[in-house]
Amino acid sequence: MEYCLDCGGKLRGRPDKKFCDGYCRSHYNNELNKNKNAALKEINGILKKNAGILEKLGKIGLTTFTQQMLFIEGFDFKFFTHQAHGKHGEVYKCCYNYGYRFINDDELLLFIVPPA
């Protein structure tokens, strides 16, 4: 390779060199990963918001709440980090260390995931 992958400048030095310097290498790789990182940041933002809403409900002492309460706060049910299983096989959808499960069609139960 004779020219830098980022700026197109003529390369000097080792025959397998791809970039002029560290700046060009970083810039090139940052541009490659920009879209991927933007999507991850957006998803992580949604997950953090969901966890914050569940945390807030727990802090005010609520252990049961309605689906509507979460919608009003901006909770997005499509996003969760993992699932946890209760002692009796019930499945909780979790956002980091806060989880919930449906008791019935509208009512949910809060669950705080114990540390591993």
PDB file of N, CA and C in Angstrom:
ATOM      1  N   MET A   1       0.852  -1.173   0.000  1.00  0.00           N
ATOM      2  CA  MET A   1       0.000   0.000   0.000  1.00  0.00           C
ATOM      3  C   MET A   1       0.894   1.231   0.000  1.00  0.00           C
ATOM      4  N   GLU A   2       0.616   2.139  -0.910  1.00  0.00           N
ATOM      5  CA  GLU A   2       1.454   3.329  -1.018  1.00  0.00           C
ATOM      6  C   GLU A   2       0.842   4.570  -0.390  1.00  0.00           C
ATOM      7  N   TYR A   3      -0.485   4.561  -0.181  1.00  0.00           N
ATOM      8  CA  TYR A   3      -1.172   5.762   0.280  1.00  0.00           C
ATOM      9  C   TYR A   3      -1.980   5.489   1.551  1.00  0.00           C
ATOM     10  N   CYS A   4      -2.061   6.476   2.400  1.00  0.00           N
ATOM     11  CA  CYS A   4      -2.794   6.408   3.662  1.00  0.00           C
ATOM     12  C   CYS A   4      -4.278   6.144   3.393  1.00  0.00           C
ATOM     13  N   LEU A   5      -4.871   5.197   4.124  1.00  0.00           N
ATOM     14  CA  LEU A   5      -6.291   4.883   3.969  1.00  0.00           C
ATOM     15  C   LEU A   5      -7.196   6.039   4.378  1.00  0.00           C
ATOM     16  N   ASP A   6      -6.707   6.921   5.242  1.00  0.00           N
ATOM     17  CA  ASP A   6      -7.543   8.025   5.717  1.00  0.00           C
ATOM     18  C   ASP A   6      -7.383   9.283   4.872  1.00  0.00           C
ATOM     19  N   CYS A   7      -6.178   9.810   4.790  1.00  0.00           N
ATOM     20  CA  CYS A   7      -5.990  11.107   4.122  1.00  0.00           C
ATOM     21  C   CYS A   7      -5.489  10.989   2.687  1.00  0.00           C
ATOM     22  N   GLY A   8      -5.026   9.808   2.298  1.00  0.00           N
ATOM     23  CA  GLY A   8      -4.532   9.621   0.931  1.00  0.00           C
ATOM     24  C   GLY A   8      -3.103  10.058   0.719  1.00  0.00           C
ATOM     25  N   GLY A   9      -2.427  10.503   1.797  1.00  0.00           N
ATOM     26  CA  GLY A   9      -1.035  10.934   1.690  1.00  0.00           C
ATOM     27  C   GLY A   9      -0.098   9.765   1.419  1.00  0.00           C
ATOM     28  N   LYS A  10       1.026  10.064   0.797  1.00  0.00           N
ATOM     29  CA  LYS A  10       2.036   9.044   0.475  1.00  0.00           C
ATOM     30  C   LYS A  10       2.637   8.500   1.764  1.00  0.00           C
ATOM     31  N   LEU A  11       2.741   7.179   1.844  1.00  0.00           N
ATOM     32  CA  LEU A  11       3.280   6.537   3.035  1.00  0.00           C
ATOM     33  C   LEU A  11       4.786   6.344   2.926  1.00  0.00           C
ATOM     34  N   ARG A  12       5.453   6.470   4.079  1.00  0.00           N
ATOM     35  CA  ARG A  12       6.880   6.217   4.169  1.00  0.00           C
ATOM     36  C   ARG A  12       7.114   5.245   5.309  1.00  0.00           C
ATOM     37  N   GLY A  13       8.108   4.406   5.160  1.00  0.00           N
ATOM     38  CA  GLY A  13       8.434   3.489   6.250  1.00  0.00           C
ATOM     39  C   GLY A  13       8.149   2.048   5.870  1.00  0.00           C
ATOM     40  N   ARG A  14       7.622   1.293   6.808  1.00  0.00           N
ATOM     41  CA  ARG A  14       7.379  -0.138   6.602  1.00  0.00           C
ATOM     42  C   ARG A  14       6.484  -0.388   5.390  1.00  0.00           C
ATOM     43  N   PRO A  15       6.712  -1.482   4.679  1.00  0.00           N
ATOM     44  CA  PRO A  15       5.912  -1.769   3.490  1.00  0.00           C
ATOM     45  C   PRO A  15       4.453  -2.147   3.801  1.00  0.00           C
ATOM     46  N   ASP A  16       4.154  -2.593   5.043  1.00  0.00           N
ATOM     47  CA  ASP A  16       2.783  -2.981   5.387  1.00  0.00           C
ATOM     48  C   ASP A  16       2.015  -1.854   6.095  1.00  0.00           C
ATOM     49  N   LYS A  17       2.566  -0.659   6.101  1.00  0.00           N
ATOM     50  CA  LYS A  17       1.946   0.486   6.767  1.00  0.00           C
ATOM     51  C   LYS A  17       0.662   0.885   6.038  1.00  0.00           C
ATOM     52  N   LYS A  18      -0.390   1.242   6.808  1.00  0.00           N
ATOM     53  CA  LYS A  18      -1.679   1.622   6.216  1.00  0.00           C
ATOM     54  C   LYS A  18      -2.037   3.085   6.451  1.00  0.00           C
ATOM     55  N   PHE A  19      -1.413   3.715   7.462  1.00  0.00           N
ATOM     56  CA  PHE A  19      -1.754   5.089   7.829  1.00  0.00           C
ATOM     57  C   PHE A  19      -0.495   5.913   8.019  1.00  0.00           C
ATOM     58  N   CYS A  20      -0.615   7.218   7.801  1.00  0.00           N
ATOM     59  CA  CYS A  20       0.505   8.148   7.994  1.00  0.00           C
ATOM     60  C   CYS A  20       0.960   8.168   9.450  1.00  0.00           C
ATOM     61  N   ASP A  21      -0.036   8.246  10.357  1.00  0.00           N
ATOM     62  CA  ASP A  21       0.267   8.430  11.773  1.00  0.00           C
ATOM     63  C   ASP A  21      -0.919   7.969  12.610  1.00  0.00           C
ATOM     64  N   GLY A  22      -0.794   8.148  13.895  1.00  0.00           N
ATOM     65  CA  GLY A  22      -1.847   7.741  14.829  1.00  0.00           C
ATOM     66  C   GLY A  22      -3.144   8.490  14.626  1.00  0.00           C
ATOM     67  N   TYR A  23      -3.055   9.779  14.264  1.00  0.00           N
ATOM     68  CA  TYR A  23      -4.261  10.562  14.034  1.00  0.00           C
ATOM     69  C   TYR A  23      -5.081   9.958  12.897  1.00  0.00           C
ATOM     70  N   CYS A  24      -4.435   9.673  11.763  1.00  0.00           N
ATOM     71  CA  CYS A  24      -5.149   9.105  10.613  1.00  0.00           C
ATOM     72  C   CYS A  24      -5.742   7.735  10.954  1.00  0.00           C
ATOM     73  N   ARG A  25      -5.001   6.924  11.692  1.00  0.00           N
ATOM     74  CA  ARG A  25      -5.506   5.602  12.087  1.00  0.00           C
ATOM     75  C   ARG A  25      -6.756   5.758  12.956  1.00  0.00           C
ATOM     76  N   SER A  26      -6.695   6.635  13.949  1.00  0.00           N
ATOM     77  CA  SER A  26      -7.836   6.852  14.842  1.00  0.00           C
ATOM     78  C   SER A  26      -9.027   7.424  14.084  1.00  0.00           C
ATOM     79  N   HIS A  27      -8.785   8.417  13.255  1.00  0.00           N
ATOM     80  CA  HIS A  27      -9.855   9.052  12.489  1.00  0.00           C
ATOM     81  C   HIS A  27     -10.552   8.043  11.584  1.00  0.00           C
ATOM     82  N   TYR A  28      -9.781   7.238  10.888  1.00  0.00           N
ATOM     83  CA  TYR A  28     -10.322   6.226   9.981  1.00  0.00           C
ATOM     84  C   TYR A  28     -11.210   5.239  10.748  1.00  0.00           C
ATOM     85  N   ASN A  29     -10.700   4.711  11.855  1.00  0.00           N
ATOM     86  CA  ASN A  29     -11.458   3.738  12.641  1.00  0.00           C
ATOM     87  C   ASN A  29     -12.675   4.358  13.322  1.00  0.00           C
ATOM     88  N   ASN A  30     -12.564   5.607  13.777  1.00  0.00           N
ATOM     89  CA  ASN A  30     -13.721   6.288  14.367  1.00  0.00           C
ATOM     90  C   ASN A  30     -14.831   6.472  13.344  1.00  0.00           C
ATOM     91  N   GLU A  31     -14.475   6.812  12.120  1.00  0.00           N
ATOM     92  CA  GLU A  31     -15.481   6.970  11.060  1.00  0.00           C
ATOM     93  C   GLU A  31     -16.147   5.634  10.740  1.00  0.00           C
ATOM     94  N   LEU A  32     -15.363   4.558  10.717  1.00  0.00           N
ATOM     95  CA  LEU A  32     -15.926   3.226  10.456  1.00  0.00           C
ATOM     96  C   LEU A  32     -16.938   2.826  11.522  1.00  0.00           C
ATOM     97  N   ASN A  33     -16.639   3.152  12.773  1.00  0.00           N
ATOM     98  CA  ASN A  33     -17.472   2.709  13.898  1.00  0.00           C
ATOM     99  C   ASN A  33     -18.545   3.707  14.312  1.00  0.00           C
ATOM    100  N   LYS A  34     -18.602   4.874  13.679  1.00  0.00           N
ATOM    101  CA  LYS A  34     -19.516   5.930  14.097  1.00  0.00           C
ATOM    102  C   LYS A  34     -20.971   5.464  14.106  1.00  0.00           C
ATOM    103  N   ASN A  35     -21.435   4.844  13.035  1.00  0.00           N
ATOM    104  CA  ASN A  35     -22.835   4.437  12.968  1.00  0.00           C
ATOM    105  C   ASN A  35     -23.145   3.328  13.963  1.00  0.00           C
ATOM    106  N   LYS A  36     -22.235   2.375  14.089  1.00  0.00           N
ATOM    107  CA  LYS A  36     -22.440   1.281  15.036  1.00  0.00           C
ATOM    108  C   LYS A  36     -22.509   1.830  16.461  1.00  0.00           C
ATOM    109  N   ASN A  37     -21.597   2.710  16.808  1.00  0.00           N
ATOM    110  CA  ASN A  37     -21.573   3.275  18.153  1.00  0.00           C
ATOM    111  C   ASN A  37     -22.795   4.147  18.417  1.00  0.00           C
ATOM    112  N   ALA A  38     -23.278   4.864  17.406  1.00  0.00           N
ATOM    113  CA  ALA A  38     -24.460   5.706  17.585  1.00  0.00           C
ATOM    114  C   ALA A  38     -25.676   4.849  17.920  1.00  0.00           C
ATOM    115  N   ALA A  39     -25.835   3.725  17.244  1.00  0.00           N
ATOM    116  CA  ALA A  39     -26.964   2.834  17.516  1.00  0.00           C
ATOM    117  C   ALA A  39     -26.872   2.259  18.930  1.00  0.00           C
ATOM    118  N   LEU A  40     -25.667   1.858  19.336  1.00  0.00           N
ATOM    119  CA  LEU A  40     -25.490   1.326  20.683  1.00  0.00           C
ATOM    120  C   LEU A  40     -25.785   2.382  21.744  1.00  0.00           C
ATOM    121  N   LYS A  41     -25.359   3.610  21.503  1.00  0.00           N
ATOM    122  CA  LYS A  41     -25.620   4.691  22.456  1.00  0.00           C
ATOM    123  C   LYS A  41     -27.121   4.951  22.579  1.00  0.00           C
ATOM    124  N   GLU A  42     -27.827   4.906  21.458  1.00  0.00           N
ATOM    125  CA  GLU A  42     -29.272   5.133  21.489  1.00  0.00           C
ATOM    126  C   GLU A  42     -29.978   4.038  22.292  1.00  0.00           C
ATOM    127  N   ILE A  43     -29.630   2.791  22.031  1.00  0.00           N
ATOM    128  CA  ILE A  43     -30.243   1.668  22.747  1.00  0.00           C
ATOM    129  C   ILE A  43     -29.903   1.734  24.235  1.00  0.00           C
ATOM    130  N   ASN A  44     -28.655   2.013  24.554  1.00  0.00           N
ATOM    131  CA  ASN A  44     -28.256   2.105  25.953  1.00  0.00           C
ATOM    132  C   ASN A  44     -28.992   3.240  26.658  1.00  0.00           C
ATOM    133  N   GLY A  45     -29.242   4.325  25.954  1.00  0.00           N
ATOM    134  CA  GLY A  45     -30.015   5.434  26.524  1.00  0.00           C
ATOM    135  C   GLY A  45     -31.431   5.006  26.886  1.00  0.00           C
ATOM    136  N   ILE A  46     -32.058   4.226  26.019  1.00  0.00           N
ATOM    137  CA  ILE A  46     -33.411   3.715  26.282  1.00  0.00           C
ATOM    138  C   ILE A  46     -33.387   2.783  27.498  1.00  0.00           C
ATOM    139  N   LEU A  47     -32.384   1.890  27.543  1.00  0.00           N
ATOM    140  CA  LEU A  47     -32.271   0.965  28.675  1.00  0.00           C
ATOM    141  C   LEU A  47     -32.052   1.704  29.994  1.00  0.00           C
ATOM    142  N   LYS A  48     -31.215   2.726  29.981  1.00  0.00           N
ATOM    143  CA  LYS A  48     -30.967   3.516  31.189  1.00  0.00           C
ATOM    144  C   LYS A  48     -32.232   4.238  31.638  1.00  0.00           C
ATOM    145  N   LYS A  49     -32.982   4.754  30.668  1.00  0.00           N
ATOM    146  CA  LYS A  49     -34.234   5.438  31.007  1.00  0.00           C
ATOM    147  C   LYS A  49     -35.212   4.450  31.636  1.00  0.00           C
ATOM    148  N   ASN A  50     -35.352   3.266  31.036  1.00  0.00           N
ATOM    149  CA  ASN A  50     -36.240   2.244  31.591  1.00  0.00           C
ATOM    150  C   ASN A  50     -35.830   1.884  33.018  1.00  0.00           C
ATOM    151  N   ALA A  51     -34.535   1.657  33.232  1.00  0.00           N
ATOM    152  CA  ALA A  51     -34.043   1.308  34.572  1.00  0.00           C
ATOM    153  C   ALA A  51     -34.305   2.447  35.556  1.00  0.00           C
ATOM    154  N   GLY A  52     -34.122   3.675  35.107  1.00  0.00           N
ATOM    155  CA  GLY A  52     -34.365   4.835  35.965  1.00  0.00           C
ATOM    156  C   GLY A  52     -35.826   4.939  36.381  1.00  0.00           C
ATOM    157  N   ILE A  53     -36.729   4.622  35.470  1.00  0.00           N
ATOM    158  CA  ILE A  53     -38.162   4.657  35.788  1.00  0.00           C
ATOM    159  C   ILE A  53     -38.486   3.588  36.825  1.00  0.00           C
ATOM    160  N   LEU A  54     -37.973   2.379  36.637  1.00  0.00           N
ATOM    161  CA  LEU A  54     -38.214   1.309  37.604  1.00  0.00           C
ATOM    162  C   LEU A  54     -37.585   1.640  38.959  1.00  0.00           C
ATOM    163  N   GLU A  55     -36.386   2.216  38.934  1.00  0.00           N
ATOM    164  CA  GLU A  55     -35.717   2.609  40.175  1.00  0.00           C
ATOM    165  C   GLU A  55     -36.548   3.646  40.926  1.00  0.00           C
ATOM    166  N   LYS A  56     -37.062   4.623  40.189  1.00  0.00           N
ATOM    167  CA  LYS A  56     -37.871   5.681  40.794  1.00  0.00           C
ATOM    168  C   LYS A  56     -39.111   5.107  41.474  1.00  0.00           C
ATOM    169  N   LEU A  57     -39.765   4.154  40.816  1.00  0.00           N
ATOM    170  CA  LEU A  57     -40.949   3.527  41.411  1.00  0.00           C
ATOM    171  C   LEU A  57     -40.574   2.781  42.691  1.00  0.00           C
ATOM    172  N   GLY A  58     -39.440   2.103  42.659  1.00  0.00           N
ATOM    173  CA  GLY A  58     -38.983   1.394  43.850  1.00  0.00           C
ATOM    174  C   GLY A  58     -38.653   2.333  44.994  1.00  0.00           C
ATOM    175  N   LYS A  59     -38.054   3.465  44.693  1.00  0.00           N
ATOM    176  CA  LYS A  59     -37.659   4.420  45.732  1.00  0.00           C
ATOM    177  C   LYS A  59     -38.861   5.056  46.422  1.00  0.00           C
ATOM    178  N   ILE A  60     -39.963   5.189  45.699  1.00  0.00           N
ATOM    179  CA  ILE A  60     -41.155   5.764  46.341  1.00  0.00           C
ATOM    180  C   ILE A  60     -42.014   4.678  46.990  1.00  0.00           C
ATOM    181  N   GLY A  61     -41.499   3.444  46.986  1.00  0.00           N
ATOM    182  CA  GLY A  61     -42.152   2.370  47.716  1.00  0.00           C
ATOM    183  C   GLY A  61     -43.159   1.544  46.944  1.00  0.00           C
ATOM    184  N   LEU A  62     -43.254   1.743  45.638  1.00  0.00           N
ATOM    185  CA  LEU A  62     -44.203   0.956  44.858  1.00  0.00           C
ATOM    186  C   LEU A  62     -43.592  -0.397  44.489  1.00  0.00           C
ATOM    187  N   THR A  63     -44.316  -1.446  44.734  1.00  0.00           N
ATOM    188  CA  THR A  63     -43.879  -2.765  44.280  1.00  0.00           C
ATOM    189  C   THR A  63     -44.788  -3.273  43.167  1.00  0.00           C
ATOM    190  N   THR A  64     -45.994  -2.742  43.116  1.00  0.00           N
ATOM    191  CA  THR A  64     -46.901  -3.055  42.002  1.00  0.00           C
ATOM    192  C   THR A  64     -47.333  -1.742  41.366  1.00  0.00           C
ATOM    193  N   PHE A  65     -47.534  -1.791  40.062  1.00  0.00           N
ATOM    194  CA  PHE A  65     -47.912  -0.601  39.314  1.00  0.00           C
ATOM    195  C   PHE A  65     -48.541  -1.043  38.007  1.00  0.00           C
ATOM    196  N   THR A  66     -49.121  -0.081  37.291  1.00  0.00           N
ATOM    197  CA  THR A  66     -49.793  -0.422  36.038  1.00  0.00           C
ATOM    198  C   THR A  66     -48.896  -0.135  34.845  1.00  0.00           C
ATOM    199  N   GLN A  67     -49.218  -0.790  33.764  1.00  0.00           N
ATOM    200  CA  GLN A  67     -48.506  -0.573  32.507  1.00  0.00           C
ATOM    201  C   GLN A  67     -48.637   0.898  32.090  1.00  0.00           C
ATOM    202  N   GLN A  68     -49.799   1.477  32.319  1.00  0.00           N
ATOM    203  CA  GLN A  68     -50.046   2.877  31.965  1.00  0.00           C
ATOM    204  C   GLN A  68     -49.089   3.812  32.707  1.00  0.00           C
ATOM    205  N   MET A  69     -48.801   3.506  33.975  1.00  0.00           N
ATOM    206  CA  MET A  69     -47.868   4.345  34.749  1.00  0.00           C
ATOM    207  C   MET A  69     -46.503   4.384  34.074  1.00  0.00           C
ATOM    208  N   LEU A  70     -46.062   3.233  33.574  1.00  0.00           N
ATOM    209  CA  LEU A  70     -44.767   3.186  32.895  1.00  0.00           C
ATOM    210  C   LEU A  70     -44.809   3.936  31.570  1.00  0.00           C
ATOM    211  N   PHE A  71     -45.896   3.767  30.811  1.00  0.00           N
ATOM    212  CA  PHE A  71     -46.030   4.483  29.534  1.00  0.00           C
ATOM    213  C   PHE A  71     -45.971   5.989  29.745  1.00  0.00           C
ATOM    214  N   ILE A  72     -46.649   6.470  30.767  1.00  0.00           N
ATOM    215  CA  ILE A  72     -46.669   7.915  31.054  1.00  0.00           C
ATOM    216  C   ILE A  72     -45.256   8.435  31.312  1.00  0.00           C
ATOM    217  N   GLU A  73     -44.443   7.629  31.982  1.00  0.00           N
ATOM    218  CA  GLU A  73     -43.063   8.019  32.285  1.00  0.00           C
ATOM    219  C   GLU A  73     -42.134   7.899  31.076  1.00  0.00           C
ATOM    220  N   GLY A  74     -42.599   7.236  29.999  1.00  0.00           N
ATOM    221  CA  GLY A  74     -41.771   7.074  28.808  1.00  0.00           C
ATOM    222  C   GLY A  74     -41.073   5.732  28.711  1.00  0.00           C
ATOM    223  N   PHE A  75     -41.538   4.749  29.459  1.00  0.00           N
ATOM    224  CA  PHE A  75     -40.948   3.413  29.457  1.00  0.00           C
ATOM    225  C   PHE A  75     -41.176   2.745  28.109  1.00  0.00           C
ATOM    226  N   ASP A  76     -40.157   2.057  27.594  1.00  0.00           N
ATOM    227  CA  ASP A  76     -40.256   1.359  26.307  1.00  0.00           C
ATOM    228  C   ASP A  76     -40.139  -0.142  26.567  1.00  0.00           C
ATOM    229  N   PHE A  77     -41.270  -0.854  26.439  1.00  0.00           N
ATOM    230  CA  PHE A  77     -41.314  -2.285  26.757  1.00  0.00           C
ATOM    231  C   PHE A  77     -40.535  -3.156  25.774  1.00  0.00           C
ATOM    232  N   LYS A  78     -40.131  -2.612  24.645  1.00  0.00           N
ATOM    233  CA  LYS A  78     -39.390  -3.411  23.660  1.00  0.00           C
ATOM    234  C   LYS A  78     -37.931  -3.631  24.064  1.00  0.00           C
ATOM    235  N   PHE A  79     -37.456  -2.853  25.027  1.00  0.00           N
ATOM    236  CA  PHE A  79     -36.041  -2.914  25.381  1.00  0.00           C
ATOM    237  C   PHE A  79     -35.841  -3.386  26.817  1.00  0.00           C
ATOM    238  N   PHE A  80     -35.026  -4.417  26.980  1.00  0.00           N
ATOM    239  CA  PHE A  80     -34.629  -4.897  28.294  1.00  0.00           C
ATOM    240  C   PHE A  80     -33.274  -5.578  28.141  1.00  0.00           C
ATOM    241  N   THR A  81     -32.525  -5.666  29.227  1.00  0.00           N
ATOM    242  CA  THR A  81     -31.168  -6.206  29.142  1.00  0.00           C
ATOM    243  C   THR A  81     -31.128  -7.726  29.222  1.00  0.00           C
ATOM    244  N   HIS A  82     -32.002  -8.314  30.026  1.00  0.00           N
ATOM    245  CA  HIS A  82     -32.000  -9.763  30.204  1.00  0.00           C
ATOM    246  C   HIS A  82     -33.283 -10.193  30.904  1.00  0.00           C
ATOM    247  N   GLN A  83     -33.419 -11.491  31.079  1.00  0.00           N
ATOM    248  CA  GLN A  83     -34.546 -12.028  31.821  1.00  0.00           C
ATOM    249  C   GLN A  83     -34.017 -12.753  33.055  1.00  0.00           C
ATOM    250  N   ALA A  84     -34.758 -12.626  34.147  1.00  0.00           N
ATOM    251  CA  ALA A  84     -34.425 -13.338  35.385  1.00  0.00           C
ATOM    252  C   ALA A  84     -35.599 -14.247  35.728  1.00  0.00           C
ATOM    253  N   HIS A  85     -35.308 -15.308  36.430  1.00  0.00           N
ATOM    254  CA  HIS A  85     -36.354 -16.265  36.793  1.00  0.00           C
ATOM    255  C   HIS A  85     -36.546 -16.267  38.301  1.00  0.00           C
ATOM    256  N   GLY A  86     -37.807 -16.217  38.717  1.00  0.00           N
ATOM    257  CA  GLY A  86     -38.140 -16.257  40.134  1.00  0.00           C
ATOM    258  C   GLY A  86     -38.115 -17.672  40.677  1.00  0.00           C
ATOM    259  N   LYS A  87     -38.361 -17.798  41.961  1.00  0.00           N
ATOM    260  CA  LYS A  87     -38.315 -19.097  42.641  1.00  0.00           C
ATOM    261  C   LYS A  87     -39.340 -20.093  42.105  1.00  0.00           C
ATOM    262  N   HIS A  88     -40.444 -19.576  41.576  1.00  0.00           N
ATOM    263  CA  HIS A  88     -41.522 -20.444  41.111  1.00  0.00           C
ATOM    264  C   HIS A  88     -41.608 -20.474  39.581  1.00  0.00           C
ATOM    265  N   GLY A  89     -40.511 -20.112  38.916  1.00  0.00           N
ATOM    266  CA  GLY A  89     -40.453 -20.182  37.463  1.00  0.00           C
ATOM    267  C   GLY A  89     -40.966 -18.949  36.735  1.00  0.00           C
ATOM    268  N   GLU A  90     -41.409 -17.939  37.469  1.00  0.00           N
ATOM    269  CA  GLU A  90     -41.892 -16.717  36.818  1.00  0.00           C
ATOM    270  C   GLU A  90     -40.731 -15.997  36.137  1.00  0.00           C
ATOM    271  N   VAL A  91     -41.032 -15.316  35.036  1.00  0.00           N
ATOM    272  CA  VAL A  91     -39.997 -14.662  34.240  1.00  0.00           C
ATOM    273  C   VAL A  91     -40.122 -13.146  34.401  1.00  0.00           C
ATOM    274  N   TYR A  92     -39.012 -12.517  34.773  1.00  0.00           N
ATOM    275  CA  TYR A  92     -38.936 -11.070  34.909  1.00  0.00           C
ATOM    276  C   TYR A  92     -38.107 -10.512  33.766  1.00  0.00           C
ATOM    277  N   LYS A  93     -38.594  -9.468  33.128  1.00  0.00           N
ATOM    278  CA  LYS A  93     -37.790  -8.739  32.153  1.00  0.00           C
ATOM    279  C   LYS A  93     -37.042  -7.663  32.924  1.00  0.00           C
ATOM    280  N   CYS A  94     -35.742  -7.552  32.674  1.00  0.00           N
ATOM    281  CA  CYS A  94     -34.900  -6.659  33.471  1.00  0.00           C
ATOM    282  C   CYS A  94     -34.239  -5.580  32.619  1.00  0.00           C
ATOM    283  N   CYS A  95     -34.065  -4.448  33.258  1.00  0.00           N
ATOM    284  CA  CYS A  95     -33.255  -3.359  32.729  1.00  0.00           C
ATOM    285  C   CYS A  95     -32.165  -3.144  33.765  1.00  0.00           C
ATOM    286  N   TYR A  96     -31.005  -3.694  33.461  1.00  0.00           N
ATOM    287  CA  TYR A  96     -29.883  -3.714  34.394  1.00  0.00           C
ATOM    288  C   TYR A  96     -30.313  -4.424  35.675  1.00  0.00           C
ATOM    289  N   ASN A  97     -30.346  -3.741  36.816  1.00  0.00           N
ATOM    290  CA  ASN A  97     -30.661  -4.445  38.055  1.00  0.00           C
ATOM    291  C   ASN A  97     -32.099  -4.247  38.540  1.00  0.00           C
ATOM    292  N   TYR A  98     -32.994  -3.800  37.658  1.00  0.00           N
ATOM    293  CA  TYR A  98     -34.415  -3.673  37.991  1.00  0.00           C
ATOM    294  C   TYR A  98     -35.219  -4.490  37.000  1.00  0.00           C
ATOM    295  N   GLY A  99     -36.190  -5.223  37.514  1.00  0.00           N
ATOM    296  CA  GLY A  99     -37.004  -6.053  36.647  1.00  0.00           C
ATOM    297  C   GLY A  99     -38.480  -5.916  36.967  1.00  0.00           C
ATOM    298  N   TYR A 100     -39.278  -6.483  36.097  1.00  0.00           N
ATOM    299  CA  TYR A 100     -40.728  -6.474  36.289  1.00  0.00           C
ATOM    300  C   TYR A 100     -41.309  -7.729  35.640  1.00  0.00           C
ATOM    301  N   ARG A 101     -42.488  -8.091  36.116  1.00  0.00           N
ATOM    302  CA  ARG A 101     -43.247  -9.150  35.464  1.00  0.00           C
ATOM    303  C   ARG A 101     -44.715  -8.781  35.546  1.00  0.00           C
ATOM    304  N   PHE A 102     -45.472  -9.271  34.586  1.00  0.00           N
ATOM    305  CA  PHE A 102     -46.904  -9.002  34.567  1.00  0.00           C
ATOM    306  C   PHE A 102     -47.611  -9.905  35.563  1.00  0.00           C
ATOM    307  N   ILE A 103     -48.455  -9.313  36.384  1.00  0.00           N
ATOM    308  CA  ILE A 103     -49.311 -10.056  37.308  1.00  0.00           C
ATOM    309  C   ILE A 103     -50.600 -10.436  36.576  1.00  0.00           C
ATOM    310  N   ASN A 104     -51.106  -9.475  35.795  1.00  0.00           N
ATOM    311  CA  ASN A 104     -52.269  -9.694  34.935  1.00  0.00           C
ATOM    312  C   ASN A 104     -52.074  -8.841  33.685  1.00  0.00           C
ATOM    313  N   ASP A 105     -53.114  -8.591  32.920  1.00  0.00           N
ATOM    314  CA  ASP A 105     -52.980  -7.865  31.656  1.00  0.00           C
ATOM    315  C   ASP A 105     -52.415  -6.459  31.809  1.00  0.00           C
ATOM    316  N   ASP A 106     -52.652  -5.812  32.952  1.00  0.00           N
ATOM    317  CA  ASP A 106     -52.211  -4.428  33.105  1.00  0.00           C
ATOM    318  C   ASP A 106     -51.292  -4.204  34.301  1.00  0.00           C
ATOM    319  N   GLU A 107     -51.357  -5.041  35.299  1.00  0.00           N
ATOM    320  CA  GLU A 107     -50.605  -4.804  36.526  1.00  0.00           C
ATOM    321  C   GLU A 107     -49.253  -5.532  36.488  1.00  0.00           C
ATOM    322  N   LEU A 108     -48.228  -4.845  36.989  1.00  0.00           N
ATOM    323  CA  LEU A 108     -46.876  -5.391  37.008  1.00  0.00           C
ATOM    324  C   LEU A 108     -46.317  -5.401  38.422  1.00  0.00           C
ATOM    325  N   LEU A 109     -45.350  -6.277  38.631  1.00  0.00           N
ATOM    326  CA  LEU A 109     -44.681  -6.401  39.905  1.00  0.00           C
ATOM    327  C   LEU A 109     -43.202  -6.033  39.723  1.00  0.00           C
ATOM    328  N   LEU A 110     -42.692  -5.166  40.582  1.00  0.00           N
ATOM    329  CA  LEU A 110     -41.299  -4.738  40.540  1.00  0.00           C
ATOM    330  C   LEU A 110     -40.392  -5.785  41.186  1.00  0.00           C
ATOM    331  N   PHE A 111     -39.202  -5.937  40.634  1.00  0.00           N
ATOM    332  CA  PHE A 111     -38.224  -6.889  41.130  1.00  0.00           C
ATOM    333  C   PHE A 111     -36.863  -6.221  41.061  1.00  0.00           C
ATOM    334  N   ILE A 112     -36.125  -6.258  42.146  1.00  0.00           N
ATOM    335  CA  ILE A 112     -34.753  -5.746  42.139  1.00  0.00           C
ATOM    336  C   ILE A 112     -33.832  -6.957  42.058  1.00  0.00           C
ATOM    337  N   VAL A 113     -33.020  -7.000  41.021  1.00  0.00           N
ATOM    338  CA  VAL A 113     -32.143  -8.145  40.776  1.00  0.00           C
ATOM    339  C   VAL A 113     -31.013  -8.140  41.787  1.00  0.00           C
ATOM    340  N   PRO A 114     -30.873  -9.226  42.536  1.00  0.00           N
ATOM    341  CA  PRO A 114     -29.773  -9.258  43.513  1.00  0.00           C
ATOM    342  C   PRO A 114     -28.423  -9.311  42.793  1.00  0.00           C
ATOM    343  N   PRO A 115     -27.398  -8.696  43.389  1.00  0.00           N
ATOM    344  CA  PRO A 115     -26.073  -8.733  42.753  1.00  0.00           C
ATOM    345  C   PRO A 115     -25.558 -10.164  42.687  1.00  0.00           C
ATOM    346  N   ALA A 116     -24.777 -10.434  41.621  1.00  0.00           N
ATOM    347  CA  ALA A 116     -24.250 -11.794  41.425  1.00  0.00           C
ATOM    348  C   ALA A 116     -23.143 -12.123  42.388  1.00  0.00           C
TER     349      ALA A 116
END
